[in-house]
C-alpha atoms as a PDB file:
ATOM      1  CA  MET A   1      11.073  -1.829  92.846  1.00  0.00           C
ATOM      2  CA  ILE A   2      13.946  -1.439  95.322  1.00  0.00           C
ATOM      3  CA  HIS A   3      13.254  -1.466  99.065  1.00  0.00           C
ATOM      4  CA  VAL A   4      15.425   0.611 101.393  1.00  0.00           C
ATOM      5  CA  GLU A   5      15.217   0.285 105.169  1.00  0.00           C
ATOM      6  CA  TYR A   6      16.959   2.645 107.565  1.00  0.00           C
ATOM      7  CA  ILE A   7      18.168   0.622 110.541  1.00  0.00           C
ATOM      8  CA  ASN A   8      20.047   3.082 112.738  1.00  0.00           C
ATOM      9  CA  HIS A   9      22.744   5.789 112.430  1.00  0.00           C
ATOM     10  CA  SER A  10      24.615   4.772 109.235  1.00  0.00           C
ATOM     11  CA  GLY A  11      23.035   1.333 108.958  1.00  0.00           C
ATOM     12  CA  TYR A  12      20.888   0.705 105.890  1.00  0.00           C
ATOM     13  CA  VAL A  13      19.498  -2.315 104.055  1.00  0.00           C
ATOM     14  CA  VAL A  14      18.926  -2.105 100.308  1.00  0.00           C
ATOM     15  CA  GLU A  15      16.945  -5.001  98.832  1.00  0.00           C
ATOM     16  CA  SER A  16      16.203  -5.848  95.220  1.00  0.00           C
ATOM     17  CA  GLU A  17      14.524  -8.924  93.747  1.00  0.00           C
ATOM     18  CA  ASP A  18      17.712 -10.983  94.072  1.00  0.00           C
ATOM     19  CA  THR A  19      20.050  -9.123  96.434  1.00  0.00           C
ATOM     20  CA  VAL A  20      20.176  -7.871 100.030  1.00  0.00           C
ATOM     21  CA  LEU A  21      22.906  -5.337 100.805  1.00  0.00           C
ATOM     22  CA  ILE A  22      23.451  -4.479 104.483  1.00  0.00           C
ATOM     23  CA  PHE A  23      25.675  -1.474 105.160  1.00  0.00           C
ATOM     24  CA  ASP A  24      27.428  -0.492 108.412  1.00  0.00           C
ATOM     25  CA  TYR A  25      24.994  -2.345 110.662  1.00  0.00           C
ATOM     26  CA  VAL A  26      25.924  -1.857 114.313  1.00  0.00           C
ATOM     27  CA  ALA A  27      22.808  -1.376 116.425  1.00  0.00           C
ATOM     28  CA  GLY A  28      19.045  -1.422 116.171  1.00  0.00           C
ATOM     29  CA  HIS A  29      16.715  -4.108 114.904  1.00  0.00           C
ATOM     30  CA  LEU A  30      17.845  -5.973 111.793  1.00  0.00           C
ATOM     31  CA  PRO A  31      14.718  -7.786 110.578  1.00  0.00           C
ATOM     32  CA  ARG A  32      15.213 -11.524 110.438  1.00  0.00           C
ATOM     33  CA  HIS A  33      13.598 -11.920 107.026  1.00  0.00           C
ATOM     34  CA  TYR A  34      16.670 -10.351 105.382  1.00  0.00           C
ATOM     35  CA  LEU A  35      18.921 -12.964 106.947  1.00  0.00           C
ATOM     36  CA  ASP A  36      16.566 -15.849 106.149  1.00  0.00           C
ATOM     37  CA  SER A  37      16.235 -14.773 102.540  1.00  0.00           C
ATOM     38  CA  ASN A  38      17.306 -17.015  99.675  1.00  0.00           C
ATOM     39  CA  LYS A  39      18.724 -13.919  98.018  1.00  0.00           C
ATOM     40  CA  ASN A  40      22.402 -13.027  97.875  1.00  0.00           C
ATOM     41  CA  VAL A  41      23.014 -11.335 101.258  1.00  0.00           C
ATOM     42  CA  ILE A  42      26.165  -9.250 101.729  1.00  0.00           C
ATOM     43  CA  PHE A  43      27.276  -7.181 104.717  1.00  0.00           C
ATOM     44  CA  PHE A  44      29.506  -4.153 104.128  1.00  0.00           C
ATOM     45  CA  VAL A  45      31.723  -2.475 106.731  1.00  0.00           C
ATOM     46  CA  SER A  46      33.174   0.879 105.701  1.00  0.00           C
ATOM     47  CA  HIS A  47      35.652   1.272 108.572  1.00  0.00           C
ATOM     48  CA  SER A  48      36.551   0.349 112.126  1.00  0.00           C
ATOM     49  CA  HIS A  49      34.802   3.093 114.130  1.00  0.00           C
ATOM     50  CA  ASP A  50      32.440   1.444 116.580  1.00  0.00           C
ATOM     51  CA  ASP A  51      29.448   3.312 115.181  1.00  0.00           C
ATOM     52  CA  HIS A  52      30.069   1.587 111.838  1.00  0.00           C
ATOM     53  CA  TYR A  53      31.439  -1.830 112.799  1.00  0.00           C
ATOM     54  CA  ASN A  54      30.094  -4.512 115.105  1.00  0.00           C
ATOM     55  CA  PRO A  55      31.954  -7.851 115.010  1.00  0.00           C
ATOM     56  CA  GLY A  56      28.656  -9.546 115.818  1.00  0.00           C
ATOM     57  CA  ILE A  57      27.790  -9.433 112.105  1.00  0.00           C
ATOM     58  CA  PHE A  58      30.025 -12.454 111.575  1.00  0.00           C
ATOM     59  CA  ASN A  59      27.608 -14.532 113.658  1.00  0.00           C
ATOM     60  CA  TYR A  60      25.133 -14.377 110.761  1.00  0.00           C
ATOM     61  CA  ARG A  61      27.536 -16.366 108.546  1.00  0.00           C
ATOM     62  CA  LYS A  62      26.927 -14.262 105.460  1.00  0.00           C
ATOM     63  CA  GLN A  63      29.401 -12.752 103.050  1.00  0.00           C
ATOM     64  CA  VAL A  64      31.160  -9.739 104.541  1.00  0.00           C
ATOM     65  CA  VAL A  65      33.099  -7.096 102.628  1.00  0.00           C
ATOM     66  CA  VAL A  66      35.128  -5.030 105.051  1.00  0.00           C
ATOM     67  CA  SER A  67      37.660  -2.225 104.915  1.00  0.00           C
ATOM     68  CA  ASP A  68      41.170  -3.433 105.679  1.00  0.00           C
ATOM     69  CA  ASP A  69      41.550  -1.073 108.670  1.00  0.00           C
ATOM     70  CA  VAL A  70      39.107  -3.303 110.584  1.00  0.00           C
ATOM     71  CA  ARG A  71      40.446  -5.966 112.937  1.00  0.00           C
ATOM     72  CA  ILE A  72      38.211  -8.953 112.358  1.00  0.00           C
ATOM     73  CA  PRO A  73      37.947 -11.966 114.688  1.00  0.00           C
ATOM     74  CA  VAL A  74      40.540 -14.670 114.054  1.00  0.00           C
ATOM     75  CA  THR A  75      37.900 -17.211 113.108  1.00  0.00           C
ATOM     76  CA  ALA A  76      35.907 -14.836 110.893  1.00  0.00           C
ATOM     77  CA  GLN A  77      35.840 -15.020 107.117  1.00  0.00           C
ATOM     78  CA  ALA A  78      35.687 -11.765 105.203  1.00  0.00           C
ATOM     79  CA  LEU A  79      36.848 -10.063 102.045  1.00  0.00           C
ATOM     80  CA  LEU A  80      39.222  -7.277 103.062  1.00  0.00           C
ATOM     81  CA  VAL A  81      39.314  -4.323 100.688  1.00  0.00           C
ATOM     82  CA  LYS A  82      41.002  -0.957 100.252  1.00  0.00           C
ATOM     83  CA  GLU A  83      40.494   2.085  98.043  1.00  0.00           C
ATOM     84  CA  HIS A  84      40.589   1.325  94.284  1.00  0.00           C
ATOM     85  CA  ASP A  85      39.842  -2.392  94.767  1.00  0.00           C
ATOM     86  CA  THR A  86      37.219  -4.089  92.602  1.00  0.00           C
ATOM     87  CA  LEU A  87      35.390  -7.299  93.501  1.00  0.00           C
ATOM     88  CA  ILE A  88      32.953  -9.440  91.549  1.00  0.00           C
ATOM     89  CA  LEU A  89      30.688 -11.674  93.615  1.00  0.00           C
ATOM     90  CA  ASP A  90      28.415 -13.656  91.318  1.00  0.00           C
ATOM     91  CA  ASP A  91      26.530 -10.944  89.391  1.00  0.00           C
ATOM     92  CA  ILE A  92      27.491  -8.171  91.815  1.00  0.00           C
ATOM     93  CA  LYS A  93      30.351  -5.782  91.077  1.00  0.00           C
ATOM     94  CA  ILE A  94      31.830  -3.814  93.964  1.00  0.00           C
ATOM     95  CA  LYS A  95      34.113  -0.835  93.461  1.00  0.00           C
ATOM     96  CA  VAL A  96      35.854   0.579  96.497  1.00  0.00           C
ATOM     97  CA  PHE A  97      36.255   4.343  96.720  1.00  0.00           C
ATOM     98  CA  GLY A  98      38.093   6.490  99.212  1.00  0.00           C
ATOM     99  CA  SER A  99      36.986   8.272 102.352  1.00  0.00           C
ATOM    100  CA  THR A 100      37.898  11.502 104.093  1.00  0.00           C
ATOM    101  CA  ASP A 101      38.054   9.663 107.397  1.00  0.00           C
ATOM    102  CA  LEU A 102      39.001   6.076 108.149  1.00  0.00           C
ATOM    103  CA  GLY A 103      38.270   3.310 105.695  1.00  0.00           C
ATOM    104  CA  VAL A 104      36.420   3.399 102.417  1.00  0.00           C
ATOM    105  CA  SER A 105      33.135   4.000 100.628  1.00  0.00           C
ATOM    106  CA  PHE A 106      31.328   1.409  98.496  1.00  0.00           C
ATOM    107  CA  TYR A 107      29.820   1.472  95.004  1.00  0.00           C
ATOM    108  CA  VAL A 108      27.780  -1.668  94.367  1.00  0.00           C
ATOM    109  CA  LYS A 109      26.449  -2.532  90.933  1.00  0.00           C
ATOM    110  CA  THR A 110      23.873  -5.303  90.585  1.00  0.00           C
ATOM    111  CA  LYS A 111      21.637  -6.380  87.727  1.00  0.00           C
ATOM    112  CA  SER A 112      18.919  -3.984  88.842  1.00  0.00           C
ATOM    113  CA  MET A 113      20.547  -1.086  90.706  1.00  0.00           C
ATOM    114  CA  ASN A 114      23.643   0.988  91.435  1.00  0.00           C
ATOM    115  CA  VAL A 115      24.126   1.767  95.129  1.00  0.00           C
ATOM    116  CA  PHE A 116      26.623   4.023  96.882  1.00  0.00           C
ATOM    117  CA  HIS A 117      27.259   4.003 100.633  1.00  0.00           C
ATOM    118  CA  ALA A 118      29.641   6.747 101.695  1.00  0.00           C
ATOM    119  CA  GLY A 119      30.770   5.384 105.052  1.00  0.00           C
ATOM    120  CA  ASP A 120      32.439   8.422 106.617  1.00  0.00           C
ATOM    121  CA  LEU A 121      33.186  10.127 103.317  1.00  0.00           C
ATOM    122  CA  ASN A 122      32.121  13.720 103.836  1.00  0.00           C
ATOM    123  CA  HIS A 123      33.280  17.314 103.621  1.00  0.00           C
ATOM    124  CA  TRP A 124      34.342  17.226 107.262  1.00  0.00           C
ATOM    125  CA  HIS A 125      35.286  20.653 108.590  1.00  0.00           C
ATOM    126  CA  TRP A 126      34.326  23.077 111.308  1.00  0.00           C
ATOM    127  CA  LYS A 127      34.658  26.619 109.927  1.00  0.00           C
ATOM    128  CA  GLU A 128      34.248  28.066 113.405  1.00  0.00           C
ATOM    129  CA  GLU A 129      37.280  26.108 114.639  1.00  0.00           C
ATOM    130  CA  SER A 130      39.386  25.035 111.631  1.00  0.00           C
ATOM    131  CA  THR A 131      42.122  27.075 109.985  1.00  0.00           C
ATOM    132  CA  LYS A 132      41.852  28.056 106.328  1.00  0.00           C
ATOM    133  CA  ASP A 133      44.565  25.515 105.434  1.00  0.00           C
ATOM    134  CA  GLU A 134      42.665  22.761 107.248  1.00  0.00           C
ATOM    135  CA  ILE A 135      39.451  23.660 105.452  1.00  0.00           C
ATOM    136  CA  ASP A 136      41.215  23.841 102.077  1.00  0.00           C
ATOM    137  CA  LEU A 137      42.756  20.393 102.641  1.00  0.00           C
ATOM    138  CA  ALA A 138      39.423  18.888 103.700  1.00  0.00           C
ATOM    139  CA  THR A 139      37.760  20.356 100.623  1.00  0.00           C
ATOM    140  CA  PHE A 140      40.494  19.082  98.303  1.00  0.00           C
ATOM    141  CA  GLN A 141      40.327  15.547  99.720  1.00  0.00           C
ATOM    142  CA  PHE A 142      36.542  15.417  99.528  1.00  0.00           C
ATOM    143  CA  LEU A 143      36.309  16.736  95.984  1.00  0.00           C
ATOM    144  CA  ASN A 144      38.953  14.241  94.836  1.00  0.00           C
ATOM    145  CA  VAL A 145      36.785  11.303  95.879  1.00  0.00           C
ATOM    146  CA  VAL A 146      33.667  12.877  94.378  1.00  0.00           C
ATOM    147  CA  GLU A 147      35.557  13.381  91.119  1.00  0.00           C
ATOM    148  CA  ASP A 148      36.572   9.705  91.124  1.00  0.00           C
ATOM    149  CA  LEU A 149      32.927   8.718  91.489  1.00  0.00           C
ATOM    150  CA  LYS A 150      31.738  10.810  88.555  1.00  0.00           C
ATOM    151  CA  GLY A 151      30.766   8.700  85.565  1.00  0.00           C
ATOM    152  CA  HIS A 152      29.308   5.993  87.812  1.00  0.00           C
ATOM    153  CA  PRO A 153      25.510   6.278  87.749  1.00  0.00           C
ATOM    154  CA  VAL A 154      24.002   6.145  91.241  1.00  0.00           C
ATOM    155  CA  ASP A 155      20.429   5.066  91.815  1.00  0.00           C
ATOM    156  CA  ILE A 156      20.532   5.037  95.615  1.00  0.00           C
ATOM    157  CA  ALA A 157      23.039   6.931  97.766  1.00  0.00           C
ATOM    158  CA  MET A 158      23.542   7.014 101.527  1.00  0.00           C
ATOM    159  CA  PHE A 159      25.659   9.918 102.759  1.00  0.00           C
ATOM    160  CA  PRO A 160      26.506  11.614 106.104  1.00  0.00           C
ATOM    161  CA  VAL A 161      24.634  14.730 107.184  1.00  0.00           C
ATOM    162  CA  ASP A 162      26.008  15.388 110.655  1.00  0.00           C
ATOM    163  CA  PRO A 163      24.618  18.352 112.677  1.00  0.00           C
ATOM    164  CA  ARG A 164      27.727  18.331 114.898  1.00  0.00           C
ATOM    165  CA  MET A 165      29.335  20.321 112.075  1.00  0.00           C
ATOM    166  CA  ARG A 166      26.999  23.175 112.979  1.00  0.00           C
ATOM    167  CA  LYS A 167      25.728  25.429 110.209  1.00  0.00           C
ATOM    168  CA  HIS A 168      27.873  23.760 107.540  1.00  0.00           C
ATOM    169  CA  TYR A 169      26.636  20.280 108.406  1.00  0.00           C
ATOM    170  CA  ASP A 170      25.111  19.613 104.982  1.00  0.00           C
ATOM    171  CA  SER A 171      27.763  21.177 102.739  1.00  0.00           C
ATOM    172  CA  GLY A 172      29.106  17.773 101.671  1.00  0.00           C
ATOM    173  CA  ALA A 173      25.635  16.434 100.949  1.00  0.00           C
ATOM    174  CA  ARG A 174      24.776  19.429  98.778  1.00  0.00           C
ATOM    175  CA  VAL A 175      27.960  19.056  96.747  1.00  0.00           C
ATOM    176  CA  PHE A 176      27.439  15.305  96.429  1.00  0.00           C
ATOM    177  CA  ILE A 177      23.871  15.698  95.175  1.00  0.00           C
ATOM    178  CA  HIS A 178      24.866  18.427  92.735  1.00  0.00           C
ATOM    179  CA  GLN A 179      27.893  16.591  91.353  1.00  0.00           C
ATOM    180  CA  ILE A 180      26.750  12.939  91.387  1.00  0.00           C
ATOM    181  CA  GLN A 181      22.981  13.411  90.959  1.00  0.00           C
ATOM    182  CA  PRO A 182      21.761  10.180  92.561  1.00  0.00           C
ATOM    183  CA  LYS A 183      18.167   9.270  91.799  1.00  0.00           C
ATOM    184  CA  TYR A 184      17.483   8.755  95.510  1.00  0.00           C
ATOM    185  CA  PHE A 185      19.465  10.235  98.387  1.00  0.00           C
ATOM    186  CA  PHE A 186      19.302   9.059 102.005  1.00  0.00           C
ATOM    187  CA  PRO A 187      21.089  10.941 104.804  1.00  0.00           C
ATOM    188  CA  MET A 188      22.799   9.143 107.660  1.00  0.00           C
ATOM    189  CA  HIS A 189      25.068   9.785 110.660  1.00  0.00           C
ATOM    190  CA  TYR A 190      22.546  12.015 112.433  1.00  0.00           C
ATOM    191  CA  ALA A 191      20.593  11.543 115.649  1.00  0.00           C
ATOM    192  CA  ASN A 192      17.355  13.428 115.042  1.00  0.00           C
ATOM    193  CA  ALA A 193      15.663  14.351 111.777  1.00  0.00           C
ATOM    194  CA  LYS A 194      14.526  17.640 113.386  1.00  0.00           C
ATOM    195  CA  ASP A 195      18.170  18.724 113.251  1.00  0.00           C
ATOM    196  CA  LEU A 196      18.099  18.494 109.442  1.00  0.00           C
ATOM    197  CA  THR A 197      15.485  21.212 108.900  1.00  0.00           C
ATOM    198  CA  LEU A 198      17.696  23.487 106.781  1.00  0.00           C
ATOM    199  CA  PHE A 199      18.922  20.574 104.690  1.00  0.00           C
ATOM    200  CA  GLU A 200      15.360  19.381 104.170  1.00  0.00           C
ATOM    201  CA  LYS A 201      14.266  22.836 102.980  1.00  0.00           C
ATOM    202  CA  TRP A 202      17.170  22.920 100.526  1.00  0.00           C
ATOM    203  CA  ALA A 203      16.460  19.342  99.412  1.00  0.00           C
ATOM    204  CA  ASN A 204      12.837  20.193  98.669  1.00  0.00           C
ATOM    205  CA  ARG A 205      13.933  23.016  96.366  1.00  0.00           C
ATOM    206  CA  GLN A 206      16.550  21.155  94.348  1.00  0.00           C
ATOM    207  CA  LYS A 207      15.464  19.186  91.286  1.00  0.00           C
ATOM    208  CA  THR A 208      18.308  16.674  91.011  1.00  0.00           C
ATOM    209  CA  SER A 209      17.431  13.885  93.457  1.00  0.00           C
ATOM    210  CA  VAL A 210      14.593  12.502  95.516  1.00  0.00           C
ATOM    211  CA  VAL A 211      15.706  13.036  99.112  1.00  0.00           C
ATOM    212  CA  ASN A 212      14.192  10.740 101.745  1.00  0.00           C
ATOM    213  CA  ILE A 213      14.911  11.564 105.402  1.00  0.00           C
ATOM    214  CA  PRO A 214      14.207   8.722 107.854  1.00  0.00           C
ATOM    215  CA  ARG A 215      12.547   9.932 111.039  1.00  0.00           C
ATOM    216  CA  LYS A 216      12.704   6.698 112.989  1.00  0.00           C
ATOM    217  CA  ASP A 217      14.605   3.431 113.044  1.00  0.00           C
ATOM    218  CA  ASN A 218      13.340   0.755 110.639  1.00  0.00           C
ATOM    219  CA  GLU A 219      11.554   3.264 108.450  1.00  0.00           C
ATOM    220  CA  LYS A 220      11.056   1.772 104.976  1.00  0.00           C
ATOM    221  CA  PHE A 221      11.099   3.364 101.554  1.00  0.00           C
ATOM    222  CA  LYS A 222      10.316   2.196  98.032  1.00  0.00           C
ATOM    223  CA  CYS A 223      12.516   3.358  95.162  1.00  0.00           C
ATOM    224  CA  GLU A 224      11.474   2.939  91.583  1.00  0.00           C
ATOM    225  CA  VAL A 225      14.709   2.239  89.775  1.00  0.00           C
ATOM    226  CA  LEU A 226      14.660   1.665  86.040  1.00  0.00           C
ATOM    227  CA  SER A 227      18.387   1.048  85.855  1.00  0.00           C
ATOM    228  CA  ASP A 228      19.538  -2.179  84.248  1.00  0.00           C
ATOM    229  CA  GLY A 229      22.893  -1.805  85.971  1.00  0.00           C
ATOM    230  CA  ASN A 230      24.334   0.472  83.286  1.00  0.00           C
END
């Protein structure tokens, strides 16, 4: 059984029997038991925007994997990565994918699960304001990254669903679910779950993925993952 805890905004913790993965933690309550665990604890930072990166994570003295656009403190130790990099940390394999904003997205393969955190990868566009060329470019860039990810099984995915994009706010999430078919999908980068009503209605009709929408900080979910990392 995999445990997923929504911390705040784009911050999530994914915990298996031997691993704790902490993604884009900036604000909110990070339960101490994750940090005190004897498990392999790794922080991930997808990019330098201040709603995804807080230099205070280095105070925990855990492994940190961070996009190379981030300016880290001089005394901090971190593994800097860019798109197309691959890391192996003990039994954990990390593949770094692109983004359609700053930084990167992360695919993490452990003995018991395959996890994808999108960072700011999304089909970012505002049809009410963008030109056709701008929309076409945004679509091309987004689909390129999604195509790269195909063939990598995803048990748990975290992906932006941002109502600031108005009526097209979930277009990227719908494409991602359709193309990648994660077993479990968790939205992020939103302020209020009430704003995701249309996405939730669509999610309840589709048959591809289990979609869990956190309605409060520190909401916890259990995911039954039968993957052996393949």
